[in-house]
PDB file of N, CA and C in Angstrom:
ATOM      1  N   MET A   1     105.236  42.281 101.892  1.00  0.00           N
ATOM      2  CA  MET A   1     105.795  41.937 100.600  1.00  0.00           C
ATOM      3  C   MET A   1     107.323  41.914 100.646  1.00  0.00           C
ATOM      4  N   GLY A   2     107.920  42.897 101.360  1.00  0.00           N
ATOM      5  CA  GLY A   2     109.377  42.968 101.461  1.00  0.00           C
ATOM      6  C   GLY A   2     109.964  41.760 102.173  1.00  0.00           C
ATOM      7  N   ALA A   3     109.280  41.260 103.191  1.00  0.00           N
ATOM      8  CA  ALA A   3     109.760  40.095 103.931  1.00  0.00           C
ATOM      9  C   ALA A   3     109.745  38.852 103.053  1.00  0.00           C
ATOM     10  N   LEU A   4     108.736  38.739 102.189  1.00  0.00           N
ATOM     11  CA  LEU A   4     108.654  37.601 101.278  1.00  0.00           C
ATOM     12  C   LEU A   4     109.804  37.620 100.281  1.00  0.00           C
ATOM     13  N   VAL A   5     110.147  38.780  99.758  1.00  0.00           N
ATOM     14  CA  VAL A   5     111.262  38.902  98.815  1.00  0.00           C
ATOM     15  C   VAL A   5     112.571  38.508  99.500  1.00  0.00           C
ATOM     16  N   VAL A   6     112.774  38.989 100.719  1.00  0.00           N
ATOM     17  CA  VAL A   6     113.988  38.645 101.467  1.00  0.00           C
ATOM     18  C   VAL A   6     114.033  37.141 101.729  1.00  0.00           C
ATOM     19  N   PHE A   7     112.905  36.565 102.112  1.00  0.00           N
ATOM     20  CA  PHE A   7     112.837  35.128 102.368  1.00  0.00           C
ATOM     21  C   PHE A   7     113.175  34.329 101.107  1.00  0.00           C
ATOM     22  N   LEU A   8     112.584  34.682  99.987  1.00  0.00           N
ATOM     23  CA  LEU A   8     112.861  33.976  98.729  1.00  0.00           C
ATOM     24  C   LEU A   8     114.316  34.149  98.305  1.00  0.00           C
ATOM     25  N   PHE A   9     114.875  35.324  98.540  1.00  0.00           N
ATOM     26  CA  PHE A   9     116.270  35.565  98.212  1.00  0.00           C
ATOM     27  C   PHE A   9     117.190  34.681  99.070  1.00  0.00           C
ATOM     28  N   LEU A  10     116.877  34.533 100.347  1.00  0.00           N
ATOM     29  CA  LEU A  10     117.669  33.676 101.228  1.00  0.00           C
ATOM     30  C   LEU A  10     117.582  32.206 100.802  1.00  0.00           C
ATOM     31  N   ILE A  11     116.411  31.762 100.418  1.00  0.00           N
ATOM     32  CA  ILE A  11     116.235  30.394  99.918  1.00  0.00           C
ATOM     33  C   ILE A  11     117.080  30.197  98.661  1.00  0.00           C
ATOM     34  N   PHE A  12     117.060  31.168  97.777  1.00  0.00           N
ATOM     35  CA  PHE A  12     117.855  31.102  96.553  1.00  0.00           C
ATOM     36  C   PHE A  12     119.352  31.009  96.894  1.00  0.00           C
ATOM     37  N   LEU A  13     119.829  31.814  97.834  1.00  0.00           N
ATOM     38  CA  LEU A  13     121.240  31.776  98.232  1.00  0.00           C
ATOM     39  C   LEU A  13     121.619  30.421  98.823  1.00  0.00           C
ATOM     40  N   LEU A  14     120.756  29.871  99.659  1.00  0.00           N
ATOM     41  CA  LEU A  14     121.027  28.548 100.233  1.00  0.00           C
ATOM     42  C   LEU A  14     121.120  27.489  99.139  1.00  0.00           C
ATOM     43  N   PHE A  15     120.255  27.574  98.152  1.00  0.00           N
ATOM     44  CA  PHE A  15     120.282  26.639  97.036  1.00  0.00           C
ATOM     45  C   PHE A  15     121.602  26.748  96.273  1.00  0.00           C
ATOM     46  N   ILE A  16     122.038  27.969  95.962  1.00  0.00           N
ATOM     47  CA  ILE A  16     123.289  28.197  95.223  1.00  0.00           C
ATOM     48  C   ILE A  16     124.485  27.698  96.035  1.00  0.00           C
ATOM     49  N   PHE A  17     124.540  28.032  97.340  1.00  0.00           N
ATOM     50  CA  PHE A  17     125.639  27.565  98.185  1.00  0.00           C
ATOM     51  C   PHE A  17     125.658  26.049  98.291  1.00  0.00           C
ATOM     52  N   GLY A  18     124.499  25.437  98.338  1.00  0.00           N
ATOM     53  CA  GLY A  18     124.424  23.977  98.381  1.00  0.00           C
ATOM     54  C   GLY A  18     125.045  23.341  97.159  1.00  0.00           C
ATOM     55  N   ILE A  19     124.770  23.895  95.998  1.00  0.00           N
ATOM     56  CA  ILE A  19     125.350  23.367  94.762  1.00  0.00           C
ATOM     57  C   ILE A  19     126.862  23.560  94.770  1.00  0.00           C
ATOM     58  N   ILE A  20     127.321  24.736  95.160  1.00  0.00           N
ATOM     59  CA  ILE A  20     128.763  25.021  95.173  1.00  0.00           C
ATOM     60  C   ILE A  20     129.479  24.085  96.133  1.00  0.00           C
ATOM     61  N   PHE A  21     128.980  23.939  97.362  1.00  0.00           N
ATOM     62  CA  PHE A  21     129.650  23.107  98.350  1.00  0.00           C
ATOM     63  C   PHE A  21     129.576  21.635  97.998  1.00  0.00           C
ATOM     64  N   GLN A  22     128.496  21.198  97.383  1.00  0.00           N
ATOM     65  CA  GLN A  22     128.420  19.798  96.972  1.00  0.00           C
ATOM     66  C   GLN A  22     129.488  19.507  95.934  1.00  0.00           C
ATOM     67  N   ASN A  23     129.653  20.385  94.949  1.00  0.00           N
ATOM     68  CA  ASN A  23     130.680  20.177  93.930  1.00  0.00           C
ATOM     69  C   ASN A  23     132.066  20.227  94.528  1.00  0.00           C
ATOM     70  N   ALA A  24     132.325  21.151  95.441  1.00  0.00           N
ATOM     71  CA  ALA A  24     133.642  21.245  96.075  1.00  0.00           C
ATOM     72  C   ALA A  24     133.914  20.001  96.906  1.00  0.00           C
ATOM     73  N   PHE A  25     132.922  19.532  97.658  1.00  0.00           N
ATOM     74  CA  PHE A  25     133.116  18.362  98.498  1.00  0.00           C
ATOM     75  C   PHE A  25     133.302  17.116  97.648  1.00  0.00           C
ATOM     76  N   GLN A  26     132.591  17.028  96.538  1.00  0.00           N
ATOM     77  CA  GLN A  26     132.751  15.881  95.652  1.00  0.00           C
ATOM     78  C   GLN A  26     134.166  15.859  95.087  1.00  0.00           C
ATOM     79  N   ASN A  27     134.723  17.002  94.733  1.00  0.00           N
ATOM     80  CA  ASN A  27     136.086  17.042  94.223  1.00  0.00           C
ATOM     81  C   ASN A  27     137.080  16.622  95.284  1.00  0.00           C
ATOM     82  N   PHE A  28     136.836  16.965  96.560  1.00  0.00           N
ATOM     83  CA  PHE A  28     137.739  16.589  97.637  1.00  0.00           C
ATOM     84  C   PHE A  28     137.677  15.100  97.914  1.00  0.00           C
ATOM     85  N   THR A  29     136.501  14.536  97.952  1.00  0.00           N
ATOM     86  CA  THR A  29     136.354  13.152  98.375  1.00  0.00           C
ATOM     87  C   THR A  29     136.246  12.169  97.223  1.00  0.00           C
ATOM     88  N   GLY A  30     135.924  12.652  96.061  1.00  0.00           N
ATOM     89  CA  GLY A  30     135.682  11.736  94.961  1.00  0.00           C
ATOM     90  C   GLY A  30     134.333  11.050  95.069  1.00  0.00           C
ATOM     91  N   LYS A  31     133.505  11.494  95.974  1.00  0.00           N
ATOM     92  CA  LYS A  31     132.198  10.873  96.170  1.00  0.00           C
ATOM     93  C   LYS A  31     131.103  11.927  96.050  1.00  0.00           C
ATOM     94  N   THR A  32     129.932  11.474  95.742  1.00  0.00           N
ATOM     95  CA  THR A  32     128.785  12.368  95.685  1.00  0.00           C
ATOM     96  C   THR A  32     127.925  12.142  96.917  1.00  0.00           C
ATOM     97  N   PHE A  33     127.025  13.067  97.152  1.00  0.00           N
ATOM     98  CA  PHE A  33     126.098  12.907  98.259  1.00  0.00           C
ATOM     99  C   PHE A  33     125.039  11.892  97.864  1.00  0.00           C
ATOM    100  N   SER A  34     124.871  10.895  98.671  1.00  0.00           N
ATOM    101  CA  SER A  34     123.760   9.975  98.472  1.00  0.00           C
ATOM    102  C   SER A  34     123.429   9.353  99.822  1.00  0.00           C
ATOM    103  N   LYS A  35     122.221   8.927  99.965  1.00  0.00           N
ATOM    104  CA  LYS A  35     121.743   8.420 101.249  1.00  0.00           C
ATOM    105  C   LYS A  35     122.531   7.176 101.655  1.00  0.00           C
ATOM    106  N   GLY A  36     123.031   7.185 102.896  1.00  0.00           N
ATOM    107  CA  GLY A  36     123.721   6.026 103.437  1.00  0.00           C
ATOM    108  C   GLY A  36     125.180   5.901 103.031  1.00  0.00           C
ATOM    109  N   GLU A  37     125.719   6.858 102.312  1.00  0.00           N
ATOM    110  CA  GLU A  37     127.098   6.760 101.859  1.00  0.00           C
ATOM    111  C   GLU A  37     127.997   7.587 102.760  1.00  0.00           C
ATOM    112  N   THR A  38     129.166   7.058 103.077  1.00  0.00           N
ATOM    113  CA  THR A  38     130.136   7.820 103.852  1.00  0.00           C
ATOM    114  C   THR A  38     130.755   8.855 102.937  1.00  0.00           C
ATOM    115  N   ILE A  39     130.600  10.128 103.292  1.00  0.00           N
ATOM    116  CA  ILE A  39     131.071  11.180 102.407  1.00  0.00           C
ATOM    117  C   ILE A  39     132.357  11.825 102.894  1.00  0.00           C
ATOM    118  N   TYR A  40     132.865  11.397 104.053  1.00  0.00           N
ATOM    119  CA  TYR A  40     134.067  12.010 104.584  1.00  0.00           C
ATOM    120  C   TYR A  40     135.330  11.248 104.198  1.00  0.00           C
ATOM    121  N   GLN A  41     135.207  10.243 103.375  1.00  0.00           N
ATOM    122  CA  GLN A  41     136.347   9.425 102.999  1.00  0.00           C
ATOM    123  C   GLN A  41     137.063  10.047 101.803  1.00  0.00           C
ATOM    124  N   SER A  42     138.368  10.202 101.903  1.00  0.00           N
ATOM    125  CA  SER A  42     139.165  10.740 100.817  1.00  0.00           C
ATOM    126  C   SER A  42     139.719   9.597  99.984  1.00  0.00           C
ATOM    127  N   LYS A  43     140.323   9.934  98.869  1.00  0.00           N
ATOM    128  CA  LYS A  43     140.914   8.927  97.999  1.00  0.00           C
ATOM    129  C   LYS A  43     142.157   8.356  98.667  1.00  0.00           C
ATOM    130  N   CYS A  44     142.143   7.044  98.939  1.00  0.00           N
ATOM    131  CA  CYS A  44     143.211   6.412  99.699  1.00  0.00           C
ATOM    132  C   CYS A  44     143.445   4.998  99.185  1.00  0.00           C
ATOM    133  N   TYR A  45     144.724   4.604  99.135  1.00  0.00           N
ATOM    134  CA  TYR A  45     145.097   3.240  98.766  1.00  0.00           C
ATOM    135  C   TYR A  45     146.219   2.803  99.687  1.00  0.00           C
ATOM    136  N   ASP A  46     146.109   1.614 100.264  1.00  0.00           N
ATOM    137  CA  ASP A  46     147.161   1.056 101.110  1.00  0.00           C
ATOM    138  C   ASP A  46     147.586  -0.277 100.511  1.00  0.00           C
ATOM    139  N   SER A  47     148.869  -0.388 100.144  1.00  0.00           N
ATOM    140  CA  SER A  47     149.327  -1.569  99.411  1.00  0.00           C
ATOM    141  C   SER A  47     149.392  -2.818 100.269  1.00  0.00           C
ATOM    142  N   ASP A  48     149.576  -2.672 101.582  1.00  0.00           N
ATOM    143  CA  ASP A  48     149.690  -3.856 102.426  1.00  0.00           C
ATOM    144  C   ASP A  48     148.525  -4.021 103.399  1.00  0.00           C
ATOM    145  N   GLY A  49     147.531  -3.172 103.297  1.00  0.00           N
ATOM    146  CA  GLY A  49     146.328  -3.317 104.118  1.00  0.00           C
ATOM    147  C   GLY A  49     146.595  -3.227 105.609  1.00  0.00           C
ATOM    148  N   ARG A  50     147.478  -2.323 106.024  1.00  0.00           N
ATOM    149  CA  ARG A  50     147.852  -2.123 107.434  1.00  0.00           C
ATOM    150  C   ARG A  50     148.480  -3.363 108.041  1.00  0.00           C
ATOM    151  N   ASP A  51     149.256  -4.074 107.270  1.00  0.00           N
ATOM    152  CA  ASP A  51     149.939  -5.275 107.749  1.00  0.00           C
ATOM    153  C   ASP A  51     151.326  -4.871 108.232  1.00  0.00           C
ATOM    154  N   PHE A  52     151.591  -5.028 109.524  1.00  0.00           N
ATOM    155  CA  PHE A  52     152.869  -4.625 110.111  1.00  0.00           C
ATOM    156  C   PHE A  52     154.015  -5.534 109.687  1.00  0.00           C
ATOM    157  N   TYR A  53     153.707  -6.712 109.151  1.00  0.00           N
ATOM    158  CA  TYR A  53     154.740  -7.685 108.786  1.00  0.00           C
ATOM    159  C   TYR A  53     155.064  -7.672 107.295  1.00  0.00           C
ATOM    160  N   ASN A  54     154.529  -6.702 106.575  1.00  0.00           N
ATOM    161  CA  ASN A  54     154.854  -6.495 105.166  1.00  0.00           C
ATOM    162  C   ASN A  54     155.113  -5.014 104.945  1.00  0.00           C
ATOM    163  N   LYS A  55     156.205  -4.693 104.258  1.00  0.00           N
ATOM    164  CA  LYS A  55     156.464  -3.298 103.936  1.00  0.00           C
ATOM    165  C   LYS A  55     155.518  -2.894 102.822  1.00  0.00           C
ATOM    166  N   GLY A  56     154.901  -1.764 102.995  1.00  0.00           N
ATOM    167  CA  GLY A  56     153.984  -1.273 101.983  1.00  0.00           C
ATOM    168  C   GLY A  56     154.027   0.232 101.915  1.00  0.00           C
ATOM    169  N   TYR A  57     153.122   0.758 101.156  1.00  0.00           N
ATOM    170  CA  TYR A  57     152.985   2.206 101.043  1.00  0.00           C
ATOM    171  C   TYR A  57     151.507   2.542 101.018  1.00  0.00           C
ATOM    172  N   ARG A  58     151.237   3.800 101.296  1.00  0.00           N
ATOM    173  CA  ARG A  58     149.881   4.277 101.136  1.00  0.00           C
ATOM    174  C   ARG A  58     149.922   5.505 100.248  1.00  0.00           C
ATOM    175  N   GLU A  59     148.897   5.612  99.421  1.00  0.00           N
ATOM    176  CA  GLU A  59     148.726   6.796  98.591  1.00  0.00           C
ATOM    177  C   GLU A  59     147.459   7.481  99.069  1.00  0.00           C
ATOM    178  N   PHE A  60     147.615   8.701  99.552  1.00  0.00           N
ATOM    179  CA  PHE A  60     146.497   9.451 100.099  1.00  0.00           C
ATOM    180  C   PHE A  60     146.451  10.799  99.408  1.00  0.00           C
ATOM    181  N   ASN A  61     145.392  11.022  98.631  1.00  0.00           N
ATOM    182  CA  ASN A  61     145.229  12.261  97.864  1.00  0.00           C
ATOM    183  C   ASN A  61     146.467  12.587  97.040  1.00  0.00           C
ATOM    184  N   GLY A  62     147.051  11.562  96.419  1.00  0.00           N
ATOM    185  CA  GLY A  62     148.176  11.750  95.511  1.00  0.00           C
ATOM    186  C   GLY A  62     149.547  11.766  96.163  1.00  0.00           C
ATOM    187  N   VAL A  63     149.633  11.642  97.494  1.00  0.00           N
ATOM    188  CA  VAL A  63     150.919  11.653  98.190  1.00  0.00           C
ATOM    189  C   VAL A  63     151.233  10.231  98.648  1.00  0.00           C
ATOM    190  N   ILE A  64     152.426   9.740  98.302  1.00  0.00           N
ATOM    191  CA  ILE A  64     152.840   8.380  98.652  1.00  0.00           C
ATOM    192  C   ILE A  64     153.811   8.428  99.821  1.00  0.00           C
ATOM    193  N   LYS A  65     153.563   7.581 100.821  1.00  0.00           N
ATOM    194  CA  LYS A  65     154.477   7.412 101.949  1.00  0.00           C
ATOM    195  C   LYS A  65     154.691   5.927 102.176  1.00  0.00           C
ATOM    196  N   TRP A  66     155.959   5.543 102.357  1.00  0.00           N
ATOM    197  CA  TRP A  66     156.328   4.152 102.598  1.00  0.00           C
ATOM    198  C   TRP A  66     156.441   3.889 104.089  1.00  0.00           C
ATOM    199  N   ASP A  67     156.057   2.681 104.513  1.00  0.00           N
ATOM    200  CA  ASP A  67     156.276   2.253 105.892  1.00  0.00           C
ATOM    201  C   ASP A  67     157.783   2.210 106.138  1.00  0.00           C
ATOM    202  N   TYR A  68     158.185   2.497 107.381  1.00  0.00           N
ATOM    203  CA  TYR A  68     159.612   2.464 107.699  1.00  0.00           C
ATOM    204  C   TYR A  68     159.825   2.078 109.156  1.00  0.00           C
ATOM    205  N   CYS A  69     161.064   1.677 109.457  1.00  0.00           N
ATOM    206  CA  CYS A  69     161.442   1.304 110.811  1.00  0.00           C
ATOM    207  C   CYS A  69     161.993   2.516 111.539  1.00  0.00           C
ATOM    208  N   SER A  70     161.837   2.503 112.863  1.00  0.00           N
ATOM    209  CA  SER A  70     162.330   3.610 113.671  1.00  0.00           C
ATOM    210  C   SER A  70     162.578   3.125 115.092  1.00  0.00           C
ATOM    211  N   ASP A  71     163.561   3.732 115.750  1.00  0.00           N
ATOM    212  CA  ASP A  71     163.769   3.452 117.173  1.00  0.00           C
ATOM    213  C   ASP A  71     163.134   4.547 118.030  1.00  0.00           C
ATOM    214  N   LEU A  72     162.277   5.339 117.430  1.00  0.00           N
ATOM    215  CA  LEU A  72     161.564   6.459 118.040  1.00  0.00           C
ATOM    216  C   LEU A  72     162.465   7.663 118.306  1.00  0.00           C
ATOM    217  N   ASN A  73     163.738   7.567 117.916  1.00  0.00           N
ATOM    218  CA  ASN A  73     164.653   8.705 117.990  1.00  0.00           C
ATOM    219  C   ASN A  73     165.094   9.136 116.596  1.00  0.00           C
ATOM    220  N   GLY A  74     164.437   8.594 115.573  1.00  0.00           N
ATOM    221  CA  GLY A  74     164.746   8.962 114.200  1.00  0.00           C
ATOM    222  C   GLY A  74     165.776   8.066 113.537  1.00  0.00           C
ATOM    223  N   ASN A  75     166.265   7.042 114.242  1.00  0.00           N
ATOM    224  CA  ASN A  75     167.258   6.132 113.668  1.00  0.00           C
ATOM    225  C   ASN A  75     166.580   4.879 113.133  1.00  0.00           C
ATOM    226  N   GLU A  76     167.063   4.409 111.985  1.00  0.00           N
ATOM    227  CA  GLU A  76     166.509   3.181 111.429  1.00  0.00           C
ATOM    228  C   GLU A  76     167.320   1.956 111.829  1.00  0.00           C
ATOM    229  N   ASN A  77     168.608   2.128 112.117  1.00  0.00           N
ATOM    230  CA  ASN A  77     169.445   0.995 112.522  1.00  0.00           C
ATOM    231  C   ASN A  77     169.081   0.569 113.938  1.00  0.00           C
ATOM    232  N   GLY A  78     168.989  -0.745 114.153  1.00  0.00           N
ATOM    233  CA  GLY A  78     168.611  -1.256 115.459  1.00  0.00           C
ATOM    234  C   GLY A  78     167.182  -0.916 115.820  1.00  0.00           C
ATOM    235  N   SER A  79     166.346  -0.825 114.828  1.00  0.00           N
ATOM    236  CA  SER A  79     164.967  -0.373 115.024  1.00  0.00           C
ATOM    237  C   SER A  79     164.140  -1.388 115.793  1.00  0.00           C
ATOM    238  N   THR A  80     163.275  -0.868 116.610  1.00  0.00           N
ATOM    239  CA  THR A  80     162.387  -1.701 117.418  1.00  0.00           C
ATOM    240  C   THR A  80     160.920  -1.474 117.084  1.00  0.00           C
ATOM    241  N   HIS A  81     160.637  -0.481 116.234  1.00  0.00           N
ATOM    242  CA  HIS A  81     159.256  -0.119 115.910  1.00  0.00           C
ATOM    243  C   HIS A  81     159.094   0.040 114.397  1.00  0.00           C
ATOM    244  N   VAL A  82     157.875  -0.175 113.927  1.00  0.00           N
ATOM    245  CA  VAL A  82     157.549   0.101 112.533  1.00  0.00           C
ATOM    246  C   VAL A  82     156.536   1.250 112.512  1.00  0.00           C
ATOM    247  N   VAL A  83     156.728   2.148 111.571  1.00  0.00           N
ATOM    248  CA  VAL A  83     155.769   3.224 111.338  1.00  0.00           C
ATOM    249  C   VAL A  83     154.961   2.809 110.125  1.00  0.00           C
ATOM    250  N   GLU A  84     153.703   2.514 110.344  1.00  0.00           N
ATOM    251  CA  GLU A  84     152.791   2.010 109.318  1.00  0.00           C
ATOM    252  C   GLU A  84     151.843   3.127 108.915  1.00  0.00           C
ATOM    253  N   PHE A  85     151.829   3.454 107.639  1.00  0.00           N
ATOM    254  CA  PHE A  85     150.944   4.498 107.143  1.00  0.00           C
ATOM    255  C   PHE A  85     149.659   3.895 106.618  1.00  0.00           C
ATOM    256  N   TYR A  86     148.547   4.587 106.860  1.00  0.00           N
ATOM    257  CA  TYR A  86     147.257   4.202 106.301  1.00  0.00           C
ATOM    258  C   TYR A  86     146.423   5.466 106.143  1.00  0.00           C
ATOM    259  N   CYS A  87     146.074   5.802 104.932  1.00  0.00           N
ATOM    260  CA  CYS A  87     145.309   7.007 104.613  1.00  0.00           C
ATOM    261  C   CYS A  87     145.937   8.215 105.298  1.00  0.00           C
ATOM    262  N   SER A  88     145.184   8.936 106.102  1.00  0.00           N
ATOM    263  CA  SER A  88     145.755  10.123 106.746  1.00  0.00           C
ATOM    264  C   SER A  88     146.348   9.803 108.109  1.00  0.00           C
ATOM    265  N   TRP A  89     146.366   8.528 108.501  1.00  0.00           N
ATOM    266  CA  TRP A  89     146.879   8.146 109.811  1.00  0.00           C
ATOM    267  C   TRP A  89     148.207   7.424 109.684  1.00  0.00           C
ATOM    268  N   GLN A  90     148.886   7.334 110.810  1.00  0.00           N
ATOM    269  CA  GLN A  90     150.048   6.463 110.903  1.00  0.00           C
ATOM    270  C   GLN A  90     150.033   5.793 112.272  1.00  0.00           C
ATOM    271  N   TRP A  91     150.447   4.549 112.292  1.00  0.00           N
ATOM    272  CA  TRP A  91     150.547   3.793 113.533  1.00  0.00           C
ATOM    273  C   TRP A  91     152.011   3.514 113.793  1.00  0.00           C
ATOM    274  N   ILE A  92     152.386   3.519 115.047  1.00  0.00           N
ATOM    275  CA  ILE A  92     153.725   3.112 115.445  1.00  0.00           C
ATOM    276  C   ILE A  92     153.545   1.863 116.298  1.00  0.00           C
ATOM    277  N   LYS A  93     154.119   0.763 115.827  1.00  0.00           N
ATOM    278  CA  LYS A  93     153.960  -0.518 116.517  1.00  0.00           C
ATOM    279  C   LYS A  93     155.319  -1.025 116.951  1.00  0.00           C
ATOM    280  N   GLU A  94     155.401  -1.470 118.194  1.00  0.00           N
ATOM    281  CA  GLU A  94     156.625  -2.091 118.675  1.00  0.00           C
ATOM    282  C   GLU A  94     156.705  -3.500 118.096  1.00  0.00           C
ATOM    283  N   CYS A  95     157.847  -3.827 117.540  1.00  0.00           N
ATOM    284  CA  CYS A  95     158.072  -5.148 116.950  1.00  0.00           C
ATOM    285  C   CYS A  95     158.884  -5.977 117.943  1.00  0.00           C
ATOM    286  N   SER A  96     158.307  -7.060 118.424  1.00  0.00           N
ATOM    287  CA  SER A  96     158.964  -7.859 119.468  1.00  0.00           C
ATOM    288  C   SER A  96     160.284  -8.462 119.003  1.00  0.00           C
ATOM    289  N   GLU A  97     160.401  -8.750 117.722  1.00  0.00           N
ATOM    290  CA  GLU A  97     161.634  -9.338 117.176  1.00  0.00           C
ATOM    291  C   GLU A  97     162.463  -8.315 116.395  1.00  0.00           C
ATOM    292  N   GLY A  98     162.074  -7.056 116.446  1.00  0.00           N
ATOM    293  CA  GLY A  98     162.781  -6.010 115.727  1.00  0.00           C
ATOM    294  C   GLY A  98     162.100  -5.673 114.415  1.00  0.00           C
ATOM    295  N   CYS A  99     162.620  -4.654 113.772  1.00  0.00           N
ATOM    296  CA  CYS A  99     162.052  -4.167 112.513  1.00  0.00           C
ATOM    297  C   CYS A  99     163.177  -4.055 111.493  1.00  0.00           C
ATOM    298  N   LEU A 100     162.893  -4.434 110.262  1.00  0.00           N
ATOM    299  CA  LEU A 100     163.880  -4.370 109.189  1.00  0.00           C
ATOM    300  C   LEU A 100     163.179  -4.003 107.897  1.00  0.00           C
ATOM    301  N   GLU A 101     163.695  -3.001 107.218  1.00  0.00           N
ATOM    302  CA  GLU A 101     163.199  -2.583 105.901  1.00  0.00           C
ATOM    303  C   GLU A 101     161.699  -2.292 105.894  1.00  0.00           C
ATOM    304  N   GLY A 102     161.222  -1.613 106.917  1.00  0.00           N
ATOM    305  CA  GLY A 102     159.830  -1.168 106.933  1.00  0.00           C
ATOM    306  C   GLY A 102     158.809  -2.205 107.336  1.00  0.00           C
ATOM    307  N   LYS A 103     159.246  -3.275 107.993  1.00  0.00           N
ATOM    308  CA  LYS A 103     158.289  -4.296 108.448  1.00  0.00           C
ATOM    309  C   LYS A 103     158.804  -4.963 109.713  1.00  0.00           C
ATOM    310  N   CYS A 104     157.871  -5.402 110.549  1.00  0.00           N
ATOM    311  CA  CYS A 104     158.248  -6.160 111.746  1.00  0.00           C
ATOM    312  C   CYS A 104     158.761  -7.535 111.325  1.00  0.00           C
ATOM    313  N   LEU A 105     159.811  -7.982 112.013  1.00  0.00           N
ATOM    314  CA  LEU A 105     160.290  -9.338 111.774  1.00  0.00           C
ATOM    315  C   LEU A 105     159.321 -10.310 112.420  1.00  0.00           C
ATOM    316  N   PRO A 106     159.121 -11.483 111.802  1.00  0.00           N
ATOM    317  CA  PRO A 106     158.151 -12.434 112.361  1.00  0.00           C
ATOM    318  C   PRO A 106     158.584 -12.946 113.731  1.00  0.00           C
ATOM    319  N   ASN A 107     157.621 -13.292 114.547  1.00  0.00           N
ATOM    320  CA  ASN A 107     157.899 -13.866 115.874  1.00  0.00           C
ATOM    321  C   ASN A 107     158.558 -15.220 115.718  1.00  0.00           C
ATOM    322  N   LYS A 108     159.494 -15.493 116.613  1.00  0.00           N
ATOM    323  CA  LYS A 108     160.216 -16.781 116.561  1.00  0.00           C
ATOM    324  C   LYS A 108     159.416 -17.873 117.231  1.00  0.00           C
TER     325      LYS A 108
END
C-alpha cells in the first residue's frame, strides 16, 4: 500500500511540474506545445531578412541590434566586413567592394 501511495504522489508531482514548465516555456518562446511545432524558437524579427546588401536590424526578445561595418579590429572606417544580426546569431561577411553604413557595397 505504501509503494502505491509513493507512486501516485510521484505521478502527481510530474503532472504539476509539467504544467509549470509548459507555462514557463510558453512565456519564453511565445509558443505552446503542439505536435509538429518547433518549440525552441524565440520571438525574433529581422528587418532585412539576413541581406548583407541592406542595412537592417533584428529584434530578439525585445533587444534591438543594428547591422554594422567592421574591419575586425573594431574600426568602422575603411571597413571590409559587415556584421549581420539575425535572432540570437550574428554573421561576419567579407564585402568584396567594402562596407558602408552597415551594408556591403554592391559588386562592380
